[in-house]
Amino acid sequence: MQEPTFLILTALAAGPQHGYGIITDVQRISDGRSRLRAGTLYAALDRLGEEGLVEADREEIVDGRARRYYRITGQGARRLAAEAERMRRHSEAAMSRLSGLPDLPGLAGGLA
């Protein structure tokens, strides 16, 4: 799963959000390392919708403009959970192997 997809699904796991909300939540989740552009987000939402991972929740009119909210589907939640578990296992393997190395420069406080 590509990182933007993972982050979009993670943002939607907190509840339905509109596009700008997803963009700002992804930035927050990634500590500012990932910044989605509107075009990228909406293309991803279209693709995720076609895959059955997200769906439209509702629309509101705000300042005369339609604001569409999206939500994660059950299938999307299962895919996100599977990816999070895969990443957790890989992270544990990396940390286990790193713990056997002598102190490396740049690893503040060493590894526990």
PDB file of N, CA and C in Angstrom:
ATOM      1  N   MET A   1       0.853  -1.172   0.000  1.00  0.00           N
ATOM      2  CA  MET A   1       0.000   0.000   0.000  1.00  0.00           C
ATOM      3  C   MET A   1       0.901   1.238   0.000  1.00  0.00           C
ATOM      4  N   GLN A   2       0.601   2.160  -0.883  1.00  0.00           N
ATOM      5  CA  GLN A   2       1.373   3.400  -0.957  1.00  0.00           C
ATOM      6  C   GLN A   2       1.102   4.254   0.288  1.00  0.00           C
ATOM      7  N   GLU A   3       2.095   5.039   0.687  1.00  0.00           N
ATOM      8  CA  GLU A   3       1.958   5.864   1.885  1.00  0.00           C
ATOM      9  C   GLU A   3       0.762   6.817   1.832  1.00  0.00           C
ATOM     10  N   PRO A   4       0.512   7.526   0.710  1.00  0.00           N
ATOM     11  CA  PRO A   4      -0.659   8.412   0.704  1.00  0.00           C
ATOM     12  C   PRO A   4      -1.967   7.654   0.962  1.00  0.00           C
ATOM     13  N   THR A   5      -2.105   6.467   0.391  1.00  0.00           N
ATOM     14  CA  THR A   5      -3.303   5.654   0.630  1.00  0.00           C
ATOM     15  C   THR A   5      -3.418   5.296   2.099  1.00  0.00           C
ATOM     16  N   PHE A   6      -2.319   4.859   2.686  1.00  0.00           N
ATOM     17  CA  PHE A   6      -2.306   4.510   4.115  1.00  0.00           C
ATOM     18  C   PHE A   6      -2.727   5.711   4.960  1.00  0.00           C
ATOM     19  N   LEU A   7      -2.192   6.872   4.651  1.00  0.00           N
ATOM     20  CA  LEU A   7      -2.493   8.069   5.434  1.00  0.00           C
ATOM     21  C   LEU A   7      -3.936   8.537   5.237  1.00  0.00           C
ATOM     22  N   ILE A   8      -4.450   8.447   4.022  1.00  0.00           N
ATOM     23  CA  ILE A   8      -5.839   8.831   3.768  1.00  0.00           C
ATOM     24  C   ILE A   8      -6.780   7.909   4.538  1.00  0.00           C
ATOM     25  N   LEU A   9      -6.543   6.599   4.454  1.00  0.00           N
ATOM     26  CA  LEU A   9      -7.386   5.664   5.194  1.00  0.00           C
ATOM     27  C   LEU A   9      -7.266   5.871   6.699  1.00  0.00           C
ATOM     28  N   THR A  10      -6.064   6.176   7.166  1.00  0.00           N
ATOM     29  CA  THR A  10      -5.868   6.449   8.592  1.00  0.00           C
ATOM     30  C   THR A  10      -6.664   7.680   9.013  1.00  0.00           C
ATOM     31  N   ALA A  11      -6.631   8.720   8.191  1.00  0.00           N
ATOM     32  CA  ALA A  11      -7.394   9.933   8.504  1.00  0.00           C
ATOM     33  C   ALA A  11      -8.889   9.615   8.581  1.00  0.00           C
ATOM     34  N   LEU A  12      -9.378   8.827   7.634  1.00  0.00           N
ATOM     35  CA  LEU A  12     -10.803   8.514   7.604  1.00  0.00           C
ATOM     36  C   LEU A  12     -11.220   7.523   8.687  1.00  0.00           C
ATOM     37  N   ALA A  13     -10.269   6.796   9.251  1.00  0.00           N
ATOM     38  CA  ALA A  13     -10.591   5.870  10.338  1.00  0.00           C
ATOM     39  C   ALA A  13     -11.082   6.627  11.574  1.00  0.00           C
ATOM     40  N   ALA A  14     -10.774   7.918  11.670  1.00  0.00           N
ATOM     41  CA  ALA A  14     -11.238   8.735  12.801  1.00  0.00           C
ATOM     42  C   ALA A  14     -12.678   9.188  12.612  1.00  0.00           C
ATOM     43  N   GLY A  15     -13.213   9.053  11.386  1.00  0.00           N
ATOM     44  CA  GLY A  15     -14.578   9.469  11.092  1.00  0.00           C
ATOM     45  C   GLY A  15     -14.628  10.196   9.772  1.00  0.00           C
ATOM     46  N   PRO A  16     -15.844  10.422   9.258  1.00  0.00           N
ATOM     47  CA  PRO A  16     -15.992  11.088   7.958  1.00  0.00           C
ATOM     48  C   PRO A  16     -15.337  12.470   7.955  1.00  0.00           C
ATOM     49  N   GLN A  17     -14.722  12.799   6.818  1.00  0.00           N
ATOM     50  CA  GLN A  17     -14.078  14.100   6.655  1.00  0.00           C
ATOM     51  C   GLN A  17     -14.248  14.576   5.219  1.00  0.00           C
ATOM     52  N   HIS A  18     -14.202  15.883   5.041  1.00  0.00           N
ATOM     53  CA  HIS A  18     -14.203  16.454   3.692  1.00  0.00           C
ATOM     54  C   HIS A  18     -12.760  16.571   3.224  1.00  0.00           C
ATOM     55  N   GLY A  19     -12.583  16.919   1.963  1.00  0.00           N
ATOM     56  CA  GLY A  19     -11.249  16.930   1.359  1.00  0.00           C
ATOM     57  C   GLY A  19     -10.211  17.727   2.108  1.00  0.00           C
ATOM     58  N   TYR A  20     -10.529  18.980   2.440  1.00  0.00           N
ATOM     59  CA  TYR A  20      -9.539  19.805   3.138  1.00  0.00           C
ATOM     60  C   TYR A  20      -9.234  19.215   4.515  1.00  0.00           C
ATOM     61  N   GLY A  21     -10.227  18.651   5.172  1.00  0.00           N
ATOM     62  CA  GLY A  21      -9.999  18.004   6.470  1.00  0.00           C
ATOM     63  C   GLY A  21      -9.042  16.837   6.342  1.00  0.00           C
ATOM     64  N   ILE A  22      -9.195  16.053   5.278  1.00  0.00           N
ATOM     65  CA  ILE A  22      -8.295  14.922   5.044  1.00  0.00           C
ATOM     66  C   ILE A  22      -6.881  15.427   4.806  1.00  0.00           C
ATOM     67  N   ILE A  23      -6.753  16.468   3.985  1.00  0.00           N
ATOM     68  CA  ILE A  23      -5.428  17.031   3.677  1.00  0.00           C
ATOM     69  C   ILE A  23      -4.728  17.481   4.953  1.00  0.00           C
ATOM     70  N   THR A  24      -5.427  18.203   5.817  1.00  0.00           N
ATOM     71  CA  THR A  24      -4.794  18.698   7.045  1.00  0.00           C
ATOM     72  C   THR A  24      -4.539  17.566   8.039  1.00  0.00           C
ATOM     73  N   ASP A  25      -5.433  16.572   8.080  1.00  0.00           N
ATOM     74  CA  ASP A  25      -5.232  15.443   8.992  1.00  0.00           C
ATOM     75  C   ASP A  25      -4.033  14.605   8.559  1.00  0.00           C
ATOM     76  N   VAL A  26      -3.877  14.377   7.259  1.00  0.00           N
ATOM     77  CA  VAL A  26      -2.722  13.633   6.745  1.00  0.00           C
ATOM     78  C   VAL A  26      -1.435  14.361   7.112  1.00  0.00           C
ATOM     79  N   GLN A  27      -1.438  15.666   6.989  1.00  0.00           N
ATOM     80  CA  GLN A  27      -0.247  16.440   7.355  1.00  0.00           C
ATOM     81  C   GLN A  27       0.051  16.281   8.853  1.00  0.00           C
ATOM     82  N   ARG A  28      -0.993  16.302   9.663  1.00  0.00           N
ATOM     83  CA  ARG A  28      -0.830  16.150  11.116  1.00  0.00           C
ATOM     84  C   ARG A  28      -0.339  14.737  11.464  1.00  0.00           C
ATOM     85  N   ILE A  29      -0.966  13.721  10.876  1.00  0.00           N
ATOM     86  CA  ILE A  29      -0.588  12.322  11.139  1.00  0.00           C
ATOM     87  C   ILE A  29       0.881  12.088  10.783  1.00  0.00           C
ATOM     88  N   SER A  30       1.321  12.689   9.687  1.00  0.00           N
ATOM     89  CA  SER A  30       2.689  12.456   9.200  1.00  0.00           C
ATOM     90  C   SER A  30       3.702  13.442   9.774  1.00  0.00           C
ATOM     91  N   ASP A  31       3.303  14.206  10.770  1.00  0.00           N
ATOM     92  CA  ASP A  31       4.179  15.234  11.351  1.00  0.00           C
ATOM     93  C   ASP A  31       4.712  16.187  10.288  1.00  0.00           C
ATOM     94  N   GLY A  32       3.867  16.510   9.308  1.00  0.00           N
ATOM     95  CA  GLY A  32       4.228  17.468   8.273  1.00  0.00           C
ATOM     96  C   GLY A  32       5.068  16.913   7.143  1.00  0.00           C
ATOM     97  N   ARG A  33       5.400  15.623   7.186  1.00  0.00           N
ATOM     98  CA  ARG A  33       6.249  15.041   6.146  1.00  0.00           C
ATOM     99  C   ARG A  33       5.487  14.749   4.859  1.00  0.00           C
ATOM    100  N   SER A  34       4.174  14.585   4.960  1.00  0.00           N
ATOM    101  CA  SER A  34       3.379  14.280   3.777  1.00  0.00           C
ATOM    102  C   SER A  34       2.357  15.389   3.564  1.00  0.00           C
ATOM    103  N   ARG A  35       2.402  15.975   2.371  1.00  0.00           N
ATOM    104  CA  ARG A  35       1.470  17.045   2.027  1.00  0.00           C
ATOM    105  C   ARG A  35       0.758  16.654   0.744  1.00  0.00           C
ATOM    106  N   LEU A  36      -0.525  16.386   0.870  1.00  0.00           N
ATOM    107  CA  LEU A  36      -1.316  16.023  -0.305  1.00  0.00           C
ATOM    108  C   LEU A  36      -1.812  17.273  -1.009  1.00  0.00           C
ATOM    109  N   ARG A  37      -1.755  17.259  -2.307  1.00  0.00           N
ATOM    110  CA  ARG A  37      -2.378  18.315  -3.110  1.00  0.00           C
ATOM    111  C   ARG A  37      -3.810  17.873  -3.394  1.00  0.00           C
ATOM    112  N   ALA A  38      -4.676  18.838  -3.622  1.00  0.00           N
ATOM    113  CA  ALA A  38      -6.092  18.535  -3.844  1.00  0.00           C
ATOM    114  C   ALA A  38      -6.275  17.552  -4.998  1.00  0.00           C
ATOM    115  N   GLY A  39      -5.594  17.772  -6.113  1.00  0.00           N
ATOM    116  CA  GLY A  39      -5.733  16.874  -7.261  1.00  0.00           C
ATOM    117  C   GLY A  39      -5.329  15.452  -6.936  1.00  0.00           C
ATOM    118  N   THR A  40      -4.236  15.311  -6.185  1.00  0.00           N
ATOM    119  CA  THR A  40      -3.759  13.996  -5.778  1.00  0.00           C
ATOM    120  C   THR A  40      -4.772  13.326  -4.855  1.00  0.00           C
ATOM    121  N   LEU A  41      -5.302  14.092  -3.909  1.00  0.00           N
ATOM    122  CA  LEU A  41      -6.272  13.546  -2.961  1.00  0.00           C
ATOM    123  C   LEU A  41      -7.520  13.053  -3.685  1.00  0.00           C
ATOM    124  N   TYR A  42      -8.094  13.873  -4.545  1.00  0.00           N
ATOM    125  CA  TYR A  42      -9.349  13.484  -5.184  1.00  0.00           C
ATOM    126  C   TYR A  42      -9.165  12.334  -6.165  1.00  0.00           C
ATOM    127  N   ALA A  43      -8.021  12.259  -6.823  1.00  0.00           N
ATOM    128  CA  ALA A  43      -7.727  11.102  -7.674  1.00  0.00           C
ATOM    129  C   ALA A  43      -7.632   9.843  -6.808  1.00  0.00           C
ATOM    130  N   ALA A  44      -6.974   9.964  -5.653  1.00  0.00           N
ATOM    131  CA  ALA A  44      -6.855   8.822  -4.737  1.00  0.00           C
ATOM    132  C   ALA A  44      -8.223   8.426  -4.193  1.00  0.00           C
ATOM    133  N   LEU A  45      -9.049   9.396  -3.821  1.00  0.00           N
ATOM    134  CA  LEU A  45     -10.384   9.079  -3.307  1.00  0.00           C
ATOM    135  C   LEU A  45     -11.230   8.385  -4.373  1.00  0.00           C
ATOM    136  N   ASP A  46     -11.112   8.810  -5.621  1.00  0.00           N
ATOM    137  CA  ASP A  46     -11.840   8.144  -6.713  1.00  0.00           C
ATOM    138  C   ASP A  46     -11.387   6.684  -6.826  1.00  0.00           C
ATOM    139  N   ARG A  47     -10.077   6.469  -6.811  1.00  0.00           N
ATOM    140  CA  ARG A  47      -9.535   5.114  -6.924  1.00  0.00           C
ATOM    141  C   ARG A  47      -9.955   4.261  -5.732  1.00  0.00           C
ATOM    142  N   LEU A  48      -9.842   4.831  -4.516  1.00  0.00           N
ATOM    143  CA  LEU A  48     -10.224   4.093  -3.309  1.00  0.00           C
ATOM    144  C   LEU A  48     -11.713   3.784  -3.310  1.00  0.00           C
ATOM    145  N   GLY A  49     -12.515   4.680  -3.856  1.00  0.00           N
ATOM    146  CA  GLY A  49     -13.943   4.432  -3.990  1.00  0.00           C
ATOM    147  C   GLY A  49     -14.213   3.277  -4.945  1.00  0.00           C
ATOM    148  N   GLU A  50     -13.505   3.248  -6.077  1.00  0.00           N
ATOM    149  CA  GLU A  50     -13.653   2.158  -7.047  1.00  0.00           C
ATOM    150  C   GLU A  50     -13.251   0.819  -6.444  1.00  0.00           C
ATOM    151  N   GLU A  51     -12.282   0.845  -5.527  1.00  0.00           N
ATOM    152  CA  GLU A  51     -11.820  -0.376  -4.861  1.00  0.00           C
ATOM    153  C   GLU A  51     -12.707  -0.760  -3.676  1.00  0.00           C
ATOM    154  N   GLY A  52     -13.674   0.081  -3.350  1.00  0.00           N
ATOM    155  CA  GLY A  52     -14.581  -0.212  -2.242  1.00  0.00           C
ATOM    156  C   GLY A  52     -14.003   0.079  -0.865  1.00  0.00           C
ATOM    157  N   LEU A  53     -12.947   0.891  -0.808  1.00  0.00           N
ATOM    158  CA  LEU A  53     -12.285   1.171   0.466  1.00  0.00           C
ATOM    159  C   LEU A  53     -12.819   2.432   1.143  1.00  0.00           C
ATOM    160  N   VAL A  54     -13.349   3.363   0.357  1.00  0.00           N
ATOM    161  CA  VAL A  54     -13.983   4.575   0.892  1.00  0.00           C
ATOM    162  C   VAL A  54     -15.278   4.810   0.120  1.00  0.00           C
ATOM    163  N   GLU A  55     -16.144   5.621   0.702  1.00  0.00           N
ATOM    164  CA  GLU A  55     -17.378   5.995   0.024  1.00  0.00           C
ATOM    165  C   GLU A  55     -17.802   7.374   0.473  1.00  0.00           C
ATOM    166  N   ALA A  56     -18.639   8.000  -0.352  1.00  0.00           N
ATOM    167  CA  ALA A  56     -19.169   9.314   0.020  1.00  0.00           C
ATOM    168  C   ALA A  56     -20.084   9.129   1.229  1.00  0.00           C
ATOM    169  N   ASP A  57     -19.987  10.051   2.159  1.00  0.00           N
ATOM    170  CA  ASP A  57     -20.812  10.000   3.367  1.00  0.00           C
ATOM    171  C   ASP A  57     -21.998  10.949   3.236  1.00  0.00           C
ATOM    172  N   ARG A  58     -21.716  12.195   2.874  1.00  0.00           N
ATOM    173  CA  ARG A  58     -22.770  13.206   2.733  1.00  0.00           C
ATOM    174  C   ARG A  58     -22.172  14.429   2.047  1.00  0.00           C
ATOM    175  N   GLU A  59     -23.050  15.351   1.664  1.00  0.00           N
ATOM    176  CA  GLU A  59     -22.615  16.632   1.113  1.00  0.00           C
ATOM    177  C   GLU A  59     -23.282  17.744   1.894  1.00  0.00           C
ATOM    178  N   GLU A  60     -22.547  18.830   2.053  1.00  0.00           N
ATOM    179  CA  GLU A  60     -23.066  20.047   2.685  1.00  0.00           C
ATOM    180  C   GLU A  60     -22.775  21.210   1.748  1.00  0.00           C
ATOM    181  N   ILE A  61     -23.562  22.241   1.866  1.00  0.00           N
ATOM    182  CA  ILE A  61     -23.277  23.472   1.138  1.00  0.00           C
ATOM    183  C   ILE A  61     -22.697  24.457   2.155  1.00  0.00           C
ATOM    184  N   VAL A  62     -21.470  24.887   1.915  1.00  0.00           N
ATOM    185  CA  VAL A  62     -20.785  25.836   2.800  1.00  0.00           C
ATOM    186  C   VAL A  62     -20.337  27.010   1.941  1.00  0.00           C
ATOM    187  N   ASP A  63     -20.779  28.199   2.300  1.00  0.00           N
ATOM    188  CA  ASP A  63     -20.456  29.404   1.529  1.00  0.00           C
ATOM    189  C   ASP A  63     -20.789  29.228   0.047  1.00  0.00           C
ATOM    190  N   GLY A  64     -21.903  28.578  -0.226  1.00  0.00           N
ATOM    191  CA  GLY A  64     -22.349  28.400  -1.596  1.00  0.00           C
ATOM    192  C   GLY A  64     -21.641  27.301  -2.375  1.00  0.00           C
ATOM    193  N   ARG A  65     -20.767  26.559  -1.724  1.00  0.00           N
ATOM    194  CA  ARG A  65     -20.018  25.498  -2.408  1.00  0.00           C
ATOM    195  C   ARG A  65     -20.334  24.155  -1.770  1.00  0.00           C
ATOM    196  N   ALA A  66     -20.402  23.141  -2.611  1.00  0.00           N
ATOM    197  CA  ALA A  66     -20.663  21.788  -2.114  1.00  0.00           C
ATOM    198  C   ALA A  66     -19.405  21.249  -1.436  1.00  0.00           C
ATOM    199  N   ARG A  67     -19.596  20.667  -0.287  1.00  0.00           N
ATOM    200  CA  ARG A  67     -18.494  20.037   0.455  1.00  0.00           C
ATOM    201  C   ARG A  67     -18.887  18.577   0.657  1.00  0.00           C
ATOM    202  N   ARG A  68     -18.145  17.674   0.023  1.00  0.00           N
ATOM    203  CA  ARG A  68     -18.426  16.247   0.122  1.00  0.00           C
ATOM    204  C   ARG A  68     -17.572  15.627   1.225  1.00  0.00           C
ATOM    205  N   TYR A  69     -18.222  14.827   2.056  1.00  0.00           N
ATOM    206  CA  TYR A  69     -17.542  14.090   3.118  1.00  0.00           C
ATOM    207  C   TYR A  69     -17.367  12.639   2.674  1.00  0.00           C
ATOM    208  N   TYR A  70     -16.264  12.050   3.064  1.00  0.00           N
ATOM    209  CA  TYR A  70     -15.942  10.665   2.739  1.00  0.00           C
ATOM    210  C   TYR A  70     -15.778   9.881   4.027  1.00  0.00           C
ATOM    211  N   ARG A  71     -16.044   8.564   3.940  1.00  0.00           N
ATOM    212  CA  ARG A  71     -15.835   7.695   5.090  1.00  0.00           C
ATOM    213  C   ARG A  71     -15.174   6.402   4.627  1.00  0.00           C
ATOM    214  N   ILE A  72     -14.472   5.778   5.535  1.00  0.00           N
ATOM    215  CA  ILE A  72     -13.843   4.494   5.258  1.00  0.00           C
ATOM    216  C   ILE A  72     -14.929   3.420   5.330  1.00  0.00           C
ATOM    217  N   THR A  73     -14.831   2.406   4.474  1.00  0.00           N
ATOM    218  CA  THR A  73     -15.777   1.293   4.489  1.00  0.00           C
ATOM    219  C   THR A  73     -15.222   0.186   5.386  1.00  0.00           C
ATOM    220  N   GLY A  74     -16.029  -0.824   5.630  1.00  0.00           N
ATOM    221  CA  GLY A  74     -15.545  -1.980   6.385  1.00  0.00           C
ATOM    222  C   GLY A  74     -14.354  -2.631   5.705  1.00  0.00           C
ATOM    223  N   GLN A  75     -14.444  -2.760   4.385  1.00  0.00           N
ATOM    224  CA  GLN A  75     -13.335  -3.327   3.618  1.00  0.00           C
ATOM    225  C   GLN A  75     -12.095  -2.448   3.734  1.00  0.00           C
ATOM    226  N   GLY A  76     -12.286  -1.137   3.706  1.00  0.00           N
ATOM    227  CA  GLY A  76     -11.165  -0.213   3.847  1.00  0.00           C
ATOM    228  C   GLY A  76     -10.515  -0.333   5.223  1.00  0.00           C
ATOM    229  N   ALA A  77     -11.335  -0.481   6.251  1.00  0.00           N
ATOM    230  CA  ALA A  77     -10.805  -0.633   7.613  1.00  0.00           C
ATOM    231  C   ALA A  77     -10.009  -1.930   7.737  1.00  0.00           C
ATOM    232  N   ARG A  78     -10.501  -2.991   7.118  1.00  0.00           N
ATOM    233  CA  ARG A  78      -9.771  -4.269   7.170  1.00  0.00           C
ATOM    234  C   ARG A  78      -8.437  -4.162   6.435  1.00  0.00           C
ATOM    235  N   ARG A  79      -8.431  -3.497   5.279  1.00  0.00           N
ATOM    236  CA  ARG A  79      -7.174  -3.323   4.528  1.00  0.00           C
ATOM    237  C   ARG A  79      -6.188  -2.470   5.308  1.00  0.00           C
ATOM    238  N   LEU A  80      -6.689  -1.396   5.957  1.00  0.00           N
ATOM    239  CA  LEU A  80      -5.823  -0.536   6.765  1.00  0.00           C
ATOM    240  C   LEU A  80      -5.249  -1.317   7.934  1.00  0.00           C
ATOM    241  N   ALA A  81      -6.070  -2.106   8.613  1.00  0.00           N
ATOM    242  CA  ALA A  81      -5.600  -2.898   9.751  1.00  0.00           C
ATOM    243  C   ALA A  81      -4.536  -3.905   9.310  1.00  0.00           C
ATOM    244  N   ALA A  82      -4.757  -4.551   8.170  1.00  0.00           N
ATOM    245  CA  ALA A  82      -3.780  -5.520   7.663  1.00  0.00           C
ATOM    246  C   ALA A  82      -2.454  -4.841   7.338  1.00  0.00           C
ATOM    247  N   GLU A  83      -2.521  -3.658   6.728  1.00  0.00           N
ATOM    248  CA  GLU A  83      -1.294  -2.928   6.392  1.00  0.00           C
ATOM    249  C   GLU A  83      -0.581  -2.451   7.645  1.00  0.00           C
ATOM    250  N   ALA A  84      -1.319  -1.974   8.625  1.00  0.00           N
ATOM    251  CA  ALA A  84      -0.713  -1.526   9.883  1.00  0.00           C
ATOM    252  C   ALA A  84      -0.020  -2.694  10.575  1.00  0.00           C
ATOM    253  N   GLU A  85      -0.645  -3.861  10.544  1.00  0.00           N
ATOM    254  CA  GLU A  85      -0.031  -5.056  11.154  1.00  0.00           C
ATOM    255  C   GLU A  85       1.233  -5.458  10.405  1.00  0.00           C
ATOM    256  N   ARG A  86       1.198  -5.408   9.090  1.00  0.00           N
ATOM    257  CA  ARG A  86       2.383  -5.729   8.281  1.00  0.00           C
ATOM    258  C   ARG A  86       3.530  -4.781   8.618  1.00  0.00           C
ATOM    259  N   MET A  87       3.216  -3.485   8.718  1.00  0.00           N
ATOM    260  CA  MET A  87       4.238  -2.495   9.043  1.00  0.00           C
ATOM    261  C   MET A  87       4.783  -2.713  10.462  1.00  0.00           C
ATOM    262  N   ARG A  88       3.904  -3.088  11.405  1.00  0.00           N
ATOM    263  CA  ARG A  88       4.339  -3.342  12.773  1.00  0.00           C
ATOM    264  C   ARG A  88       5.335  -4.505  12.813  1.00  0.00           C
ATOM    265  N   ARG A  89       5.020  -5.589  12.099  1.00  0.00           N
ATOM    266  CA  ARG A  89       5.920  -6.746  12.081  1.00  0.00           C
ATOM    267  C   ARG A  89       7.271  -6.375  11.475  1.00  0.00           C
ATOM    268  N   HIS A  90       7.259  -5.602  10.402  1.00  0.00           N
ATOM    269  CA  HIS A  90       8.519  -5.195   9.776  1.00  0.00           C
ATOM    270  C   HIS A  90       9.318  -4.293  10.714  1.00  0.00           C
ATOM    271  N   SER A  91       8.639  -3.401  11.407  1.00  0.00           N
ATOM    272  CA  SER A  91       9.305  -2.508  12.345  1.00  0.00           C
ATOM    273  C   SER A  91       9.934  -3.296  13.491  1.00  0.00           C
ATOM    274  N   GLU A  92       9.194  -4.275  14.009  1.00  0.00           N
ATOM    275  CA  GLU A  92       9.746  -5.106  15.087  1.00  0.00           C
ATOM    276  C   GLU A  92      10.986  -5.860  14.625  1.00  0.00           C
ATOM    277  N   ALA A  93      10.962  -6.384  13.406  1.00  0.00           N
ATOM    278  CA  ALA A  93      12.123  -7.101  12.877  1.00  0.00           C
ATOM    279  C   ALA A  93      13.322  -6.164  12.764  1.00  0.00           C
ATOM    280  N   ALA A  94      13.092  -4.953  12.257  1.00  0.00           N
ATOM    281  CA  ALA A  94      14.188  -3.990  12.124  1.00  0.00           C
ATOM    282  C   ALA A  94      14.758  -3.618  13.489  1.00  0.00           C
ATOM    283  N   MET A  95      13.890  -3.330  14.453  1.00  0.00           N
ATOM    284  CA  MET A  95      14.362  -2.935  15.782  1.00  0.00           C
ATOM    285  C   MET A  95      15.108  -4.082  16.460  1.00  0.00           C
ATOM    286  N   SER A  96      14.642  -5.289  16.271  1.00  0.00           N
ATOM    287  CA  SER A  96      15.319  -6.444  16.852  1.00  0.00           C
ATOM    288  C   SER A  96      16.730  -6.581  16.291  1.00  0.00           C
ATOM    289  N   ARG A  97      16.855  -6.414  15.006  1.00  0.00           N
ATOM    290  CA  ARG A  97      18.178  -6.532  14.388  1.00  0.00           C
ATOM    291  C   ARG A  97      19.078  -5.362  14.756  1.00  0.00           C
ATOM    292  N   LEU A  98      18.505  -4.179  14.854  1.00  0.00           N
ATOM    293  CA  LEU A  98      19.296  -3.019  15.246  1.00  0.00           C
ATOM    294  C   LEU A  98      19.782  -3.124  16.685  1.00  0.00           C
ATOM    295  N   SER A  99      19.012  -3.763  17.543  1.00  0.00           N
ATOM    296  CA  SER A  99      19.398  -3.853  18.950  1.00  0.00           C
ATOM    297  C   SER A  99      20.667  -4.676  19.132  1.00  0.00           C
ATOM    298  N   GLY A 100      21.009  -5.502  18.149  1.00  0.00           N
ATOM    299  CA  GLY A 100      22.228  -6.297  18.234  1.00  0.00           C
ATOM    300  C   GLY A 100      23.470  -5.584  17.739  1.00  0.00           C
ATOM    301  N   LEU A 101      23.299  -4.395  17.201  1.00  0.00           N
ATOM    302  CA  LEU A 101      24.437  -3.643  16.691  1.00  0.00           C
ATOM    303  C   LEU A 101      25.048  -2.785  17.795  1.00  0.00           C
ATOM    304  N   PRO A 102      26.346  -2.517  17.701  1.00  0.00           N
ATOM    305  CA  PRO A 102      26.934  -1.574  18.660  1.00  0.00           C
ATOM    306  C   PRO A 102      26.305  -0.203  18.450  1.00  0.00           C
ATOM    307  N   ASP A 103      26.421   0.646  19.452  1.00  0.00           N
ATOM    308  CA  ASP A 103      25.833   1.993  19.344  1.00  0.00           C
ATOM    309  C   ASP A 103      26.252   2.634  18.031  1.00  0.00           C
ATOM    310  N   LEU A 104      25.260   3.164  17.358  1.00  0.00           N
ATOM    311  CA  LEU A 104      25.494   3.811  16.073  1.00  0.00           C
ATOM    312  C   LEU A 104      25.330   5.312  16.242  1.00  0.00           C
ATOM    313  N   PRO A 105      26.177   6.121  15.595  1.00  0.00           N
ATOM    314  CA  PRO A 105      26.007   7.556  15.655  1.00  0.00           C
ATOM    315  C   PRO A 105      24.616   7.931  15.130  1.00  0.00           C
ATOM    316  N   GLY A 106      23.987   8.875  15.772  1.00  0.00           N
ATOM    317  CA  GLY A 106      22.680   9.339  15.326  1.00  0.00           C
ATOM    318  C   GLY A 106      21.502   8.626  15.966  1.00  0.00           C
ATOM    319  N   LEU A 107      21.749   7.564  16.701  1.00  0.00           N
ATOM    320  CA  LEU A 107      20.657   6.882  17.410  1.00  0.00           C
ATOM    321  C   LEU A 107      20.685   7.367  18.851  1.00  0.00           C
ATOM    322  N   ALA A 108      19.994   8.472  19.085  1.00  0.00           N
ATOM    323  CA  ALA A 108      19.997   9.109  20.400  1.00  0.00           C
ATOM    324  C   ALA A 108      19.553   8.145  21.474  1.00  0.00           C
ATOM    325  N   GLY A 109      20.358   8.012  22.482  1.00  0.00           N
ATOM    326  CA  GLY A 109      20.017   7.178  23.634  1.00  0.00           C
ATOM    327  C   GLY A 109      20.133   5.701  23.365  1.00  0.00           C
ATOM    328  N   GLY A 110      20.628   5.322  22.178  1.00  0.00           N
ATOM    329  CA  GLY A 110      20.734   3.903  21.861  1.00  0.00           C
ATOM    330  C   GLY A 110      19.367   3.305  21.637  1.00  0.00           C
ATOM    331  N   LEU A 111      19.334   2.018  21.570  1.00  0.00           N
ATOM    332  CA  LEU A 111      18.079   1.295  21.347  1.00  0.00           C
ATOM    333  C   LEU A 111      17.728   0.483  22.581  1.00  0.00           C
ATOM    334  N   ALA A 112      16.459   0.434  22.906  1.00  0.00           N
ATOM    335  CA  ALA A 112      16.019  -0.347  24.058  1.00  0.00           C
ATOM    336  C   ALA A 112      15.608  -1.725  23.637  1.00  0.00           C
TER     337      ALA A 112
END
